[in-house]
C-alpha atoms as a PDB file:
ATOM      1  CA  MET A   1     232.548 185.775   9.427  1.00  0.00           C
ATOM      2  CA  SER A   2     231.129 184.950   6.020  1.00  0.00           C
ATOM      3  CA  LEU A   3     228.147 182.749   5.360  1.00  0.00           C
ATOM      4  CA  GLY A   4     228.144 179.338   3.732  1.00  0.00           C
ATOM      5  CA  ASP A   5     225.287 177.985   1.683  1.00  0.00           C
ATOM      6  CA  ASP A   6     223.767 176.441   4.774  1.00  0.00           C
ATOM      7  CA  GLY A   7     223.459 179.740   6.586  1.00  0.00           C
ATOM      8  CA  TYR A   8     226.042 178.976   9.239  1.00  0.00           C
ATOM      9  CA  GLY A   9     228.713 181.576   9.803  1.00  0.00           C
ATOM     10  CA  SER A  10     232.148 180.492   8.621  1.00  0.00           C
ATOM     11  CA  GLY A  11     235.364 182.253   9.245  1.00  0.00           C
ATOM     12  CA  HIS A  12     234.635 182.336  12.639  1.00  0.00           C
ATOM     13  CA  ASN A  13     231.431 136.977  22.395  1.00  0.00           C
ATOM     14  CA  ASP A  14     228.161 137.326  22.530  1.00  0.00           C
ATOM     15  CA  TYR A  15     230.735 134.634  22.758  1.00  0.00           C
ATOM     16  CA  GLY A  16     229.484 131.362  21.302  1.00  0.00           C
ATOM     17  CA  ASP A  17     230.736 129.181  24.135  1.00  0.00           C
ATOM     18  CA  ASP A  18     231.197 125.734  22.564  1.00  0.00           C
ATOM     19  CA  ARG A  19     232.993 124.402  25.572  1.00  0.00           C
ATOM     20  CA  HIS A  20     231.257 121.323  27.066  1.00  0.00           C
ATOM     21  CA  HIS A  21     230.804 121.058  30.794  1.00  0.00           C
ATOM     22  CA  GLY A  22     231.085 117.476  32.170  1.00  0.00           C
ATOM     23  CA  THR A  23     228.304 116.026  34.314  1.00  0.00           C
ATOM     24  CA  ARG A  24     229.410 114.730  37.688  1.00  0.00           C
ATOM     25  CA  THR A  25     227.667 111.513  38.836  1.00  0.00           C
ATOM     26  CA  ARG A  26     227.741 110.379  42.461  1.00  0.00           C
ATOM     27  CA  LEU A  27     228.337 106.584  42.692  1.00  0.00           C
ATOM     28  CA  PRO A  28     227.544 104.300  45.606  1.00  0.00           C
ATOM     29  CA  GLU A  29     230.303 104.111  48.149  1.00  0.00           C
ATOM     30  CA  GLY A  30     233.033 101.713  47.105  1.00  0.00           C
ATOM     31  CA  GLU A  31     232.329 101.837  43.371  1.00  0.00           C
ATOM     32  CA  VAL A  32     234.738 103.507  40.981  1.00  0.00           C
ATOM     33  CA  ASP A  33     233.805 105.740  38.088  1.00  0.00           C
ATOM     34  CA  PRO A  34     235.531 104.188  35.038  1.00  0.00           C
ATOM     35  CA  TYR A  35     235.538 107.607  33.309  1.00  0.00           C
ATOM     36  CA  ALA A  36     237.112 109.494  36.163  1.00  0.00           C
ATOM     37  CA  PRO A  37     240.736 110.584  35.690  1.00  0.00           C
ATOM     38  CA  THR A  38     243.298 108.435  37.467  1.00  0.00           C
ATOM     39  CA  ARG A  39     244.576 110.082  40.627  1.00  0.00           C
ATOM     40  CA  ARG A  40     248.140 109.958  41.662  1.00  0.00           C
ATOM     41  CA  GLY A  41     249.105 108.352  44.929  1.00  0.00           C
ATOM     42  CA  SER A  42     249.726 110.624  47.825  1.00  0.00           C
ATOM     43  CA  GLY A  43     252.979 110.043  49.597  1.00  0.00           C
ATOM     44  CA  ARG A  44     254.270 106.470  50.151  1.00  0.00           C
ATOM     45  CA  SER A  45     250.926 104.915  51.083  1.00  0.00           C
ATOM     46  CA  GLY A  46     249.627 105.047  47.498  1.00  0.00           C
ATOM     47  CA  ARG A  47     246.216 106.286  48.649  1.00  0.00           C
ATOM     48  CA  ALA A  48     244.165 108.573  46.414  1.00  0.00           C
ATOM     49  CA  GLY A  49     245.823 111.908  47.065  1.00  0.00           C
ATOM     50  CA  ARG A  50     244.216 115.061  48.268  1.00  0.00           C
ATOM     51  CA  PRO A  51     244.929 118.352  46.437  1.00  0.00           C
ATOM     52  CA  SER A  52     248.340 119.501  47.440  1.00  0.00           C
ATOM     53  CA  GLY A  53     248.791 122.605  49.531  1.00  0.00           C
ATOM     54  CA  ARG A  54     250.676 124.271  46.678  1.00  0.00           C
ATOM     55  CA  ASN A  55     247.735 123.808  44.269  1.00  0.00           C
ATOM     56  CA  LEU A  56     245.309 125.176  46.836  1.00  0.00           C
ATOM     57  CA  ILE A  57     247.414 128.276  47.319  1.00  0.00           C
ATOM     58  CA  THR A  58     247.552 128.781  43.533  1.00  0.00           C
ATOM     59  CA  VAL A  59     243.755 128.592  43.203  1.00  0.00           C
ATOM     60  CA  VAL A  60     243.226 131.027  46.064  1.00  0.00           C
ATOM     61  CA  GLY A  61     245.752 133.405  44.538  1.00  0.00           C
ATOM     62  CA  VAL A  62     243.987 133.407  41.172  1.00  0.00           C
ATOM     63  CA  VAL A  63     240.635 134.150  42.817  1.00  0.00           C
ATOM     64  CA  VAL A  64     242.113 137.063  44.760  1.00  0.00           C
ATOM     65  CA  LEU A  65     243.636 138.487  41.601  1.00  0.00           C
ATOM     66  CA  LEU A  66     240.309 138.224  39.753  1.00  0.00           C
ATOM     67  CA  ILE A  67     238.479 140.022  42.548  1.00  0.00           C
ATOM     68  CA  ALA A  68     241.085 142.777  42.558  1.00  0.00           C
ATOM     69  CA  ALA A  69     240.843 143.169  38.769  1.00  0.00           C
ATOM     70  CA  ILE A  70     237.053 143.453  38.865  1.00  0.00           C
ATOM     71  CA  ALA A  71     237.199 146.021  41.654  1.00  0.00           C
ATOM     72  CA  PHE A  72     239.733 148.072  39.710  1.00  0.00           C
ATOM     73  CA  ALA A  73     237.656 147.974  36.531  1.00  0.00           C
ATOM     74  CA  ASN A  74     234.546 149.151  38.389  1.00  0.00           C
ATOM     75  CA  ARG A  75     236.186 152.040  40.179  1.00  0.00           C
ATOM     76  CA  GLY A  76     234.527 155.364  39.533  1.00  0.00           C
ATOM     77  CA  ASP A  77     237.132 157.638  41.034  1.00  0.00           C
ATOM     78  CA  GLY A  78     238.775 158.370  37.682  1.00  0.00           C
ATOM     79  CA  SER A  79     242.214 157.399  38.930  1.00  0.00           C
ATOM     80  CA  GLY A  80     243.098 155.506  35.737  1.00  0.00           C
ATOM     81  CA  SER A  81     245.395 156.727  33.005  1.00  0.00           C
ATOM     82  CA  SER A  82     244.404 160.235  32.097  1.00  0.00           C
ATOM     83  CA  SER A  83     245.670 163.576  30.892  1.00  0.00           C
ATOM     84  CA  ASP A  84     246.578 166.453  33.162  1.00  0.00           C
ATOM     85  CA  ASP A  85     243.025 167.783  32.999  1.00  0.00           C
ATOM     86  CA  GLY A  86     241.466 164.439  33.897  1.00  0.00           C
ATOM     87  CA  SER A  87     240.376 163.420  30.408  1.00  0.00           C
ATOM     88  CA  PRO A  88     241.193 159.846  29.390  1.00  0.00           C
ATOM     89  CA  ARG A  89     244.047 159.198  26.987  1.00  0.00           C
ATOM     90  CA  THR A  90     244.090 156.601  24.253  1.00  0.00           C
ATOM     91  CA  PRO A  91     247.157 154.305  23.949  1.00  0.00           C
ATOM     92  CA  THR A  92     248.642 156.699  21.381  1.00  0.00           C
ATOM     93  CA  GLY A  93     248.486 159.643  23.792  1.00  0.00           C
ATOM     94  CA  THR A  94     245.657 161.487  22.036  1.00  0.00           C
ATOM     95  CA  ARG A  95     242.595 162.559  23.979  1.00  0.00           C
ATOM     96  CA  ALA A  96     239.398 160.783  23.035  1.00  0.00           C
ATOM     97  CA  THR A  97     236.110 162.608  23.452  1.00  0.00           C
ATOM     98  CA  ALA A  98     234.561 161.002  26.511  1.00  0.00           C
ATOM     99  CA  PRO A  99     232.711 162.178  29.627  1.00  0.00           C
ATOM    100  CA  THR A 100     234.919 163.040  32.584  1.00  0.00           C
ATOM    101  CA  GLY A 101     232.247 163.627  35.197  1.00  0.00           C
ATOM    102  CA  THR A 102     233.385 167.228  35.635  1.00  0.00           C
ATOM    103  CA  LYS A 103     230.617 169.817  35.540  1.00  0.00           C
ATOM    104  CA  PRO A 104     231.252 171.945  32.428  1.00  0.00           C
ATOM    105  CA  VAL A 105     230.117 175.364  33.654  1.00  0.00           C
ATOM    106  CA  ASP A 106     228.611 177.145  36.629  1.00  0.00           C
ATOM    107  CA  GLY A 107     226.402 179.622  34.799  1.00  0.00           C
ATOM    108  CA  LYS A 108     225.144 181.203  31.614  1.00  0.00           C
ATOM    109  CA  THR A 109     225.483 184.562  29.911  1.00  0.00           C
ATOM    110  CA  GLY A 110     222.547 185.541  27.725  1.00  0.00           C
ATOM    111  CA  GLY A 111     221.391 181.922  27.628  1.00  0.00           C
ATOM    112  CA  ILE A 112     224.835 180.707  26.541  1.00  0.00           C
ATOM    113  CA  ALA A 113     226.981 178.549  28.803  1.00  0.00           C
ATOM    114  CA  SER A 114     229.840 180.489  30.395  1.00  0.00           C
ATOM    115  CA  GLY A 115     232.400 180.205  33.172  1.00  0.00           C
ATOM    116  CA  PHE A 116     234.440 177.433  31.577  1.00  0.00           C
ATOM    117  CA  ALA A 117     237.442 175.923  33.325  1.00  0.00           C
ATOM    118  CA  HIS A 118     240.869 177.367  32.574  1.00  0.00           C
ATOM    119  CA  SER A 119     242.074 174.057  31.131  1.00  0.00           C
ATOM    120  CA  GLU A 120     242.046 171.969  27.960  1.00  0.00           C
ATOM    121  CA  GLN A 121     238.772 170.428  29.053  1.00  0.00           C
ATOM    122  CA  GLY A 122     237.292 173.863  29.615  1.00  0.00           C
ATOM    123  CA  ALA A 123     238.439 175.048  26.193  1.00  0.00           C
ATOM    124  CA  GLN A 124     236.809 172.049  24.515  1.00  0.00           C
ATOM    125  CA  SER A 125     233.562 172.598  26.413  1.00  0.00           C
ATOM    126  CA  ALA A 126     233.597 176.248  25.422  1.00  0.00           C
ATOM    127  CA  ALA A 127     234.195 175.492  21.751  1.00  0.00           C
ATOM    128  CA  ALA A 128     231.362 172.931  21.636  1.00  0.00           C
ATOM    129  CA  ASN A 129     228.901 175.330  23.262  1.00  0.00           C
ATOM    130  CA  PHE A 130     230.003 178.218  21.042  1.00  0.00           C
ATOM    131  CA  ALA A 131     229.315 176.071  17.980  1.00  0.00           C
ATOM    132  CA  VAL A 132     225.798 175.433  19.285  1.00  0.00           C
ATOM    133  CA  ALA A 133     225.137 179.140  19.810  1.00  0.00           C
ATOM    134  CA  LEU A 134     226.518 180.185  16.436  1.00  0.00           C
ATOM    135  CA  GLY A 135     224.605 177.440  14.622  1.00  0.00           C
ATOM    136  CA  GLY A 136     221.254 178.269  16.218  1.00  0.00           C
ATOM    137  CA  ASP A 137     218.313 180.175  14.801  1.00  0.00           C
ATOM    138  CA  GLY A 138     219.166 183.177  16.994  1.00  0.00           C
ATOM    139  CA  MET A 139     221.839 184.105  14.477  1.00  0.00           C
ATOM    140  CA  PHE A 140     219.178 185.013  11.909  1.00  0.00           C
ATOM    141  CA  LYS A 141     217.799 187.952  13.907  1.00  0.00           C
ATOM    142  CA  THR A 142     219.877 191.103  14.346  1.00  0.00           C
ATOM    143  CA  ASP A 143     219.401 191.719  18.080  1.00  0.00           C
ATOM    144  CA  SER A 144     219.927 188.134  19.178  1.00  0.00           C
ATOM    145  CA  ARG A 145     222.874 187.742  16.793  1.00  0.00           C
ATOM    146  CA  HIS A 146     224.616 190.785  18.263  1.00  0.00           C
ATOM    147  CA  ALA A 147     223.998 189.461  21.795  1.00  0.00           C
ATOM    148  CA  ILE A 148     225.485 186.072  20.887  1.00  0.00           C
ATOM    149  CA  VAL A 149     228.542 187.610  19.277  1.00  0.00           C
ATOM    150  CA  ASP A 150     229.145 189.970  22.212  1.00  0.00           C
ATOM    151  CA  ALA A 151     228.849 187.062  24.662  1.00  0.00           C
ATOM    152  CA  ILE A 152     231.291 184.623  23.077  1.00  0.00           C
ATOM    153  CA  TYR A 153     233.825 186.658  21.066  1.00  0.00           C
ATOM    154  CA  THR A 154     236.580 188.862  22.403  1.00  0.00           C
ATOM    155  CA  PRO A 155     235.482 192.537  22.426  1.00  0.00           C
ATOM    156  CA  ASN A 156     237.834 193.363  19.567  1.00  0.00           C
ATOM    157  CA  ALA A 157     236.672 190.444  17.425  1.00  0.00           C
ATOM    158  CA  ALA A 158     233.010 191.178  18.149  1.00  0.00           C
ATOM    159  CA  ASN A 159     233.325 194.811  17.051  1.00  0.00           C
ATOM    160  CA  LYS A 160     234.926 193.797  13.788  1.00  0.00           C
ATOM    161  CA  LEU A 161     232.438 191.017  13.115  1.00  0.00           C
ATOM    162  CA  LYS A 162     229.005 192.512  13.639  1.00  0.00           C
ATOM    163  CA  GLY A 163     229.061 194.872  10.644  1.00  0.00           C
ATOM    164  CA  PRO A 164     230.030 192.276   8.034  1.00  0.00           C
ATOM    165  CA  GLN A 165     227.587 189.831   9.592  1.00  0.00           C
ATOM    166  CA  ASP A 166     224.728 192.301   9.280  1.00  0.00           C
ATOM    167  CA  GLN A 167     225.502 192.620   5.601  1.00  0.00           C
ATOM    168  CA  ALA A 168     225.736 188.862   5.145  1.00  0.00           C
ATOM    169  CA  TYR A 169     222.401 188.222   6.865  1.00  0.00           C
ATOM    170  CA  SER A 170     220.726 190.505   4.363  1.00  0.00           C
ATOM    171  CA  ALA A 171     217.017 190.578   3.545  1.00  0.00           C
ATOM    172  CA  ASP A 172     217.734 188.773   0.274  1.00  0.00           C
ATOM    173  CA  PHE A 173     219.646 186.027   2.042  1.00  0.00           C
ATOM    174  CA  LEU A 174     216.917 185.575   4.639  1.00  0.00           C
ATOM    175  CA  LYS A 175     214.295 185.476   1.905  1.00  0.00           C
ATOM    176  CA  ARG A 176     216.075 182.577   0.228  1.00  0.00           C
ATOM    177  CA  LEU A 177     215.674 180.673   3.489  1.00  0.00           C
ATOM    178  CA  GLY A 178     211.968 181.522   3.653  1.00  0.00           C
ATOM    179  CA  LEU A 179     212.343 184.184   6.358  1.00  0.00           C
ATOM    180  CA  ASP A 180     211.192 187.769   6.346  1.00  0.00           C
ATOM    181  CA  ALA A 181     213.548 190.723   6.702  1.00  0.00           C
ATOM    182  CA  ALA A 182     213.446 190.422  10.505  1.00  0.00           C
ATOM    183  CA  GLY A 183     214.368 186.731  10.407  1.00  0.00           C
ATOM    184  CA  ASN A 184     210.880 185.390  11.159  1.00  0.00           C
ATOM    185  CA  PRO A 185     209.348 182.356   9.383  1.00  0.00           C
ATOM    186  CA  PRO A 186     205.788 182.308   7.993  1.00  0.00           C
ATOM    187  CA  LYS A 187     203.115 181.633  10.632  1.00  0.00           C
ATOM    188  CA  ASP A 188     202.402 178.140   9.323  1.00  0.00           C
ATOM    189  CA  LYS A 189     206.048 177.036   9.203  1.00  0.00           C
ATOM    190  CA  THR A 190     208.971 176.471  11.566  1.00  0.00           C
ATOM    191  CA  PHE A 191     212.516 177.524  10.730  1.00  0.00           C
ATOM    192  CA  ILE A 192     215.087 175.091  12.100  1.00  0.00           C
ATOM    193  CA  SER A 193     218.787 175.694  12.583  1.00  0.00           C
ATOM    194  CA  ARG A 194     220.661 173.593  15.096  1.00  0.00           C
ATOM    195  CA  THR A 195     224.248 172.431  15.605  1.00  0.00           C
ATOM    196  CA  ILE A 196     224.947 169.081  17.302  1.00  0.00           C
ATOM    197  CA  PRO A 197     228.619 168.570  18.276  1.00  0.00           C
ATOM    198  CA  VAL A 198     229.894 165.022  17.769  1.00  0.00           C
ATOM    199  CA  GLY A 199     233.408 165.459  19.152  1.00  0.00           C
ATOM    200  CA  THR A 200     236.146 167.949  19.931  1.00  0.00           C
ATOM    201  CA  LYS A 201     239.904 167.986  19.441  1.00  0.00           C
ATOM    202  CA  VAL A 202     242.585 170.242  20.904  1.00  0.00           C
ATOM    203  CA  GLU A 203     245.005 171.312  18.196  1.00  0.00           C
ATOM    204  CA  ALA A 204     247.016 173.707  20.363  1.00  0.00           C
ATOM    205  CA  PHE A 205     246.894 174.847  23.972  1.00  0.00           C
ATOM    206  CA  ASN A 206     248.717 177.091  26.407  1.00  0.00           C
ATOM    207  CA  ALA A 207     247.710 179.123  29.434  1.00  0.00           C
ATOM    208  CA  ASP A 208     246.265 182.020  27.463  1.00  0.00           C
ATOM    209  CA  SER A 209     245.060 180.526  24.183  1.00  0.00           C
ATOM    210  CA  ALA A 210     243.735 177.365  22.616  1.00  0.00           C
ATOM    211  CA  LYS A 211     242.821 176.046  19.192  1.00  0.00           C
ATOM    212  CA  VAL A 212     239.941 173.585  19.282  1.00  0.00           C
ATOM    213  CA  ALA A 213     238.195 171.806  16.406  1.00  0.00           C
ATOM    214  CA  VAL A 214     234.556 170.774  16.788  1.00  0.00           C
ATOM    215  CA  TRP A 215     233.203 168.060  14.496  1.00  0.00           C
ATOM    216  CA  TYR A 216     229.471 168.472  14.216  1.00  0.00           C
ATOM    217  CA  THR A 217     226.331 167.691  12.308  1.00  0.00           C
ATOM    218  CA  GLY A 218     223.764 170.375  11.665  1.00  0.00           C
ATOM    219  CA  LEU A 219     220.083 170.764  10.886  1.00  0.00           C
ATOM    220  CA  ILE A 220     218.803 173.650   8.766  1.00  0.00           C
ATOM    221  CA  GLY A 221     215.696 174.298   6.730  1.00  0.00           C
ATOM    222  CA  MET A 222     212.024 175.172   6.882  1.00  0.00           C
ATOM    223  CA  ALA A 223     209.519 172.650   8.245  1.00  0.00           C
ATOM    224  CA  GLY A 224     205.917 172.980   7.181  1.00  0.00           C
ATOM    225  CA  THR A 225     203.481 172.098   4.438  1.00  0.00           C
ATOM    226  CA  GLY A 226     204.596 173.436   1.078  1.00  0.00           C
ATOM    227  CA  SER A 227     208.125 174.299   2.204  1.00  0.00           C
ATOM    228  CA  THR A 228     210.581 174.597  -0.687  1.00  0.00           C
ATOM    229  CA  ASP A 229     213.566 174.314   1.679  1.00  0.00           C
ATOM    230  CA  PRO A 230     213.017 171.130   3.721  1.00  0.00           C
ATOM    231  CA  VAL A 231     215.139 170.458   6.801  1.00  0.00           C
ATOM    232  CA  ARG A 232     218.392 168.760   5.865  1.00  0.00           C
ATOM    233  CA  THR A 233     221.542 167.633   7.626  1.00  0.00           C
ATOM    234  CA  ASP A 234     225.134 168.615   7.063  1.00  0.00           C
ATOM    235  CA  TRP A 235     228.529 167.605   8.439  1.00  0.00           C
ATOM    236  CA  LYS A 236     231.293 170.108   9.115  1.00  0.00           C
ATOM    237  CA  THR A 237     234.281 170.854  11.317  1.00  0.00           C
ATOM    238  CA  TRP A 238     234.340 174.208  13.100  1.00  0.00           C
ATOM    239  CA  THR A 239     237.752 175.334  14.341  1.00  0.00           C
ATOM    240  CA  PHE A 240     237.953 177.992  17.042  1.00  0.00           C
ATOM    241  CA  GLU A 241     240.964 180.026  18.095  1.00  0.00           C
ATOM    242  CA  LEU A 242     240.197 180.842  21.720  1.00  0.00           C
ATOM    243  CA  LYS A 243     241.709 183.359  24.096  1.00  0.00           C
ATOM    244  CA  TRP A 244     241.467 183.460  27.886  1.00  0.00           C
ATOM    245  CA  VAL A 245     239.923 186.836  28.653  1.00  0.00           C
ATOM    246  CA  GLY A 246     239.299 187.828  32.269  1.00  0.00           C
ATOM    247  CA  SER A 247     237.837 184.620  33.651  1.00  0.00           C
ATOM    248  CA  ASP A 248     236.532 182.795  30.590  1.00  0.00           C
ATOM    249  CA  TRP A 249     237.299 181.551  27.086  1.00  0.00           C
ATOM    250  CA  LYS A 250     236.345 183.800  24.177  1.00  0.00           C
ATOM    251  CA  ILE A 251     236.616 183.382  20.407  1.00  0.00           C
ATOM    252  CA  GLU A 252     239.342 185.337  18.694  1.00  0.00           C
ATOM    253  CA  ASN A 253     238.890 183.759  15.257  1.00  0.00           C
ATOM    254  CA  ASP A 254     237.087 180.797  13.709  1.00  0.00           C
ATOM    255  CA  SER A 255     236.726 178.900  10.436  1.00  0.00           C
ATOM    256  CA  GLN A 256     234.792 175.974   8.970  1.00  0.00           C
ATOM    257  CA  THR A 257     235.497 173.097   6.612  1.00  0.00           C
ATOM    258  CA  ASP A 258     233.188 170.447   5.167  1.00  0.00           C
ATOM    259  CA  GLY A 259     233.078 166.952   6.695  1.00  0.00           C
ATOM    260  CA  PRO A 260     234.084 164.412   7.603  1.00  0.00           C
ATOM    261  CA  ALA A 261     230.684 163.058   6.590  1.00  0.00           C
ATOM    262  CA  PRO A 262     229.558 159.444   7.138  1.00  0.00           C
ATOM    263  CA  VAL A 263     227.567 157.419   4.632  1.00  0.00           C
ATOM    264  CA  ALA A 264     223.902 158.358   4.808  1.00  0.00           C
ATOM    265  CA  GLY A 265     221.691 155.792   6.515  1.00  0.00           C
ATOM    266  CA  ASP A 266     218.661 154.096   4.997  1.00  0.00           C
ATOM    267  CA  ILE A 267     216.121 155.524   7.452  1.00  0.00           C
ATOM    268  CA  PRO A 268     213.350 157.277   5.494  1.00  0.00           C
ATOM    269  CA  ALA A 269     212.952 160.991   6.030  1.00  0.00           C
ATOM    270  CA  SER A 270     210.248 162.043   8.467  1.00  0.00           C
ATOM    271  CA  GLY A 271     207.431 164.363   7.545  1.00  0.00           C
ATOM    272  CA  SER A 272     207.587 168.059   8.302  1.00  0.00           C
ATOM    273  CA  ASP A 273     205.086 167.744  11.170  1.00  0.00           C
ATOM    274  CA  ASP A 274     207.279 165.151  12.913  1.00  0.00           C
ATOM    275  CA  ILE A 275     210.363 167.301  12.476  1.00  0.00           C
ATOM    276  CA  THR A 276     208.601 170.397  13.799  1.00  0.00           C
ATOM    277  CA  LYS A 277     207.295 168.470  16.819  1.00  0.00           C
ATOM    278  CA  ALA A 278     210.728 166.992  17.572  1.00  0.00           C
ATOM    279  CA  VAL A 279     212.489 170.354  17.439  1.00  0.00           C
ATOM    280  CA  LYS A 280     209.924 171.903  19.791  1.00  0.00           C
ATOM    281  CA  GLU A 281     209.895 169.017  22.249  1.00  0.00           C
ATOM    282  CA  TYR A 282     213.598 168.118  22.381  1.00  0.00           C
ATOM    283  CA  GLY A 283     215.723 170.824  23.923  1.00  0.00           C
ATOM    284  CA  GLY A 284     219.460 171.284  23.462  1.00  0.00           C
ATOM    285  CA  PHE A 285     222.296 170.405  25.804  1.00  0.00           C
ATOM    286  CA  THR A 286     225.096 172.171  27.591  1.00  0.00           C
ATOM    287  CA  TYR A 287     228.042 170.388  26.022  1.00  0.00           C
ATOM    288  CA  ALA A 288     231.036 169.261  28.055  1.00  0.00           C
ATOM    289  CA  ARG A 289     234.303 167.539  27.270  1.00  0.00           C
END
C-alpha cells in the first residue's frame, strides 16, 4: 500500500391543489337547487333515481383497493422486490445503497467491526468498515497500524504490507502532517483523519471472494491555532478485493481513485476549535449495507 498526498493508504406536490371544492347548500324541503346537476329518472316512474347498485359496488371496490395499497406500502417485513441477500433492487437490477434492517456484525476485533455475513451484503458492510479503519488516525502510529492491518487483511497480504507501510509512514512524512516521529500531534493541536463512506457497490461476487467499491469522503488535517495544515475534505473511491477466510471477510488487495466529487457547497468553513470539538464529540459508526 502506497500513500497518497492525503495520507490515506492506496493500493490497498407540495402539490399546489388548484382544484375547487363545491359548497353544498341544504334547501327547504320541496325547493330545487337550480345549480344542482339534473338527475336521471329511475326506472319507469321517472322519480329522481337513487345510485345504482353497480355504482355502489364500484365505489366500495375502489376504497378496498386503496386500503390494500396503503397497507402494502407501509409493510415493514421487507417482502418487496429485493436481491437474494435482501437488499432492494432498482428497476434496472442494480443494488442501491439502502438500509436493510439486518444487523451488520455481532462483534469487534481490536475495535474494528468483524463477523460479517457470508453474503453480498456482508461483503459491502466489511468493505465500508475497512475503509473507516484504514482512513483513521490509528494508521499514523506503528503499533496501531500493525494491529489494524493484521485484523482486516489476509495473513499473507498483511505480512507483505507492513514493511512497505512502515517505510511510507516515515518520520519525514509524519512531520509534513505536523506529527512527531511516533505519530503524535503537538499538545495544543488535534490531528484529524476520518473516512465517511457514502455508498458501496459490488463489482464481483462469488462464495469465496468479492470485489467491492466504497465511495467516500474524508477529513484530514491538523486543527488548532496556527496550524499550517487545516482540516480539509476529499472525495475518493476505495476498491477492495475481499476473500472469505475462516469465518469472515478479509482484504486481499485494495486500490484508490479520486472522486467522484460533488460541487463544493457555499457553507463557510468552521474555525479550528469547532472542528476539534466536533471530532471529539461525534463518534463514528459501524457501517452496514
